[in-house]
Each structure stands twice: as structure tokens, then as C-alpha cells.
Protein backbone atom coordinates (compact mmCIF):
# COMPACT_ATOMS: atom_id res chain seq x y z
CA MET A 1 121.90 -9.89 -41.68
CA GLY A 2 121.17 -8.76 -38.10
CA VAL A 3 124.72 -7.54 -37.45
CA ALA A 4 124.84 -5.56 -40.70
CA THR A 5 121.53 -3.88 -39.86
CA ILE A 6 122.79 -2.88 -36.42
CA ILE A 7 125.99 -1.44 -37.94
CA TYR A 8 123.99 0.59 -40.48
CA ILE A 9 121.71 1.91 -37.76
CA LEU A 10 124.70 2.91 -35.61
CA ILE A 11 126.36 4.68 -38.54
CA PHE A 12 123.11 6.51 -39.27
CA VAL A 13 122.78 7.57 -35.62
CA ILE A 14 126.38 8.84 -35.55
CA PHE A 15 125.91 10.91 -38.71
CA SER A 16 122.60 12.23 -37.38
CA LEU A 17 124.25 13.37 -34.15
CA ILE A 18 127.04 15.09 -36.07
CA ALA A 19 124.51 16.85 -38.32
CA PHE A 20 122.52 17.92 -35.26
CA ALA A 21 125.64 19.34 -33.59
CA ILE A 22 126.56 21.27 -36.75
CA MET A 23 123.01 22.60 -37.00
CA GLN A 24 123.13 23.80 -33.37
CA ILE A 25 126.44 25.57 -33.95
CA LYS A 26 125.06 27.27 -37.06
CA LEU A 27 121.87 28.30 -35.22
CA ALA A 28 124.02 29.92 -32.54
CA GLY A 29 125.46 32.13 -35.29
CA MET A 30 128.93 30.62 -35.37
CA ASN A 31 131.07 29.05 -38.03
CA ILE A 32 132.30 25.51 -37.51
CA LYS A 33 135.87 26.73 -37.99
CA ASP A 34 135.42 29.38 -35.28
CA PHE A 35 133.94 26.83 -32.89
CA TRP A 36 136.83 24.44 -33.52
CA SER A 37 139.36 27.22 -32.90
CA PHE A 38 137.48 28.00 -29.66
CA ILE A 39 137.89 24.39 -28.53
CA LYS A 40 141.62 24.51 -29.26
CA ALA A 41 141.92 27.93 -27.59
CA ASN A 42 140.21 26.56 -24.52
CA GLU A 43 142.95 23.94 -24.21
CA ILE A 44 145.61 26.62 -24.62
CA LEU A 45 143.82 28.78 -22.03
CA ASP A 46 144.06 25.96 -19.50
CA GLU A 47 147.80 25.64 -20.12
CA LEU A 48 148.36 29.40 -19.88
CA TYR A 49 146.32 29.58 -16.69
CA VAL A 50 148.46 26.92 -15.04
CA TYR A 51 151.54 28.77 -16.25
CA THR A 52 150.36 32.05 -14.72
CA LYS A 53 149.82 30.36 -11.37
CA LYS A 54 153.12 28.54 -11.05
CA SER A 55 155.67 30.89 -12.56
CA GLY A 56 156.87 34.19 -11.25
CA ASN A 57 159.34 35.68 -13.69
CA LEU A 58 159.49 34.60 -17.29
CA THR A 59 162.49 34.79 -19.56
CA PRO A 60 162.13 37.08 -22.59
CA GLN A 61 161.59 34.05 -24.85
CA GLU A 62 158.89 32.66 -22.56
CA GLN A 63 157.25 36.08 -22.49
CA VAL A 64 157.07 36.22 -26.28
CA ILE A 65 155.63 32.72 -26.45
CA PHE A 66 153.11 33.55 -23.73
CA LEU A 67 152.05 36.72 -25.55
CA MET A 68 151.59 34.93 -28.88
CA GLU A 69 149.57 32.10 -27.36
CA ALA A 70 147.44 34.50 -25.33
CA GLU A 71 146.65 36.54 -28.45
CA LYS A 72 145.45 33.36 -30.19
CA VAL A 73 143.18 32.63 -27.25
CA PHE A 74 141.79 36.17 -27.20
CA LYS A 75 141.02 36.11 -30.93
CA ALA A 76 139.25 32.76 -30.70
CA PHE A 77 137.20 33.80 -27.66
CA ASP A 78 136.14 37.06 -29.37
CA LYS A 79 134.40 35.09 -32.12
CA ILE A 80 132.27 33.04 -29.72
CA PRO A 81 129.25 34.32 -27.74
CA SER A 82 130.21 34.96 -24.13
CA MET A 83 127.44 32.74 -22.79
CA LEU A 84 129.40 29.70 -24.03
CA TRP A 85 132.52 30.50 -22.04
CA GLU A 86 131.13 32.00 -18.83
CA GLU A 87 132.68 29.14 -16.85
CA GLU A 88 136.12 29.96 -18.21
CA TYR A 89 135.89 33.69 -17.44
CA GLN A 90 138.10 33.54 -14.34
CA LYS A 91 140.88 31.76 -16.23
CA TYR A 92 140.49 34.18 -19.13
CA ARG A 93 140.74 37.13 -16.73
CA GLU A 94 143.89 35.78 -15.04
CA VAL A 95 145.60 35.18 -18.38
CA LEU A 96 144.55 38.64 -19.57
CA ASN A 97 146.03 40.24 -16.44
CA LYS A 98 149.32 38.36 -16.90
CA TYR A 99 149.28 39.38 -20.60
CA LYS A 100 148.88 43.04 -19.63
CA ASP A 101 151.65 42.80 -17.02
CA ILE A 102 154.07 41.29 -19.53
CA LYS A 103 153.18 43.90 -22.16
CA VAL A 104 153.80 46.73 -19.67
CA CYS A 105 157.10 45.24 -18.49
CA ARG A 106 158.31 44.79 -22.05
CA TRP A 107 157.22 48.31 -22.95
CA VAL A 108 159.01 49.79 -19.94
CA SER A 109 162.19 47.84 -20.66
CA ASN A 110 162.30 49.15 -24.24
């Protein structure tokens, strides 16, 4: 009986924490779906940031992939209040600069 009670209490605590997190996200004025896309975009931002630092010239295929992934990141970050991603601003800025450079190069080459 003691083990079952502990398991029920742990399950209740877990569900309470999840409900509290959802409530905090809603109180911040965001949708859960937008917040989840922000989390995924943050992972993509880290990958793009590393890519901007280590690579010089990208092939046309890599440029297209970079542009598509960067646009996903920008859309997700636009839906979230900026106070949540202040720490990621430098990475965001670097990726945005690389995005602009690629867009200009592709525009000039056309």
C-alpha cells in the first residue's frame, strides 16, 4: 500500500507541474504550439549559428537549405516575446546577417 501511494503522489506532482507550466505559458500570452515551435527553432538556431561560424562559401543547395531553416527560426522567434530569447540575440543576429548576405548574393547572381 505504501508503494502505490508514493506512485500516485508522484504522478499527481508530475501532472501538477505540467499544468503549472502550461498556465505560465498561457499567462505570458503565448500558445503552447508557438512555444514548442520556439524550442525547436532554438535548436535549429544553434545549428545555423555553428554553420555560420565554420563555413565560408556555401553551395547553392546549402544556401537554399540555410535560407529555409533560417526563415523557420525567424517565424518562430517572431511569435515569442523578446524577453524570453534575450540570451540568444547574438546568435539570432549572426544568423540574420548570414541570411541577408546569402539573399543579396543570390539576388545579384540572378
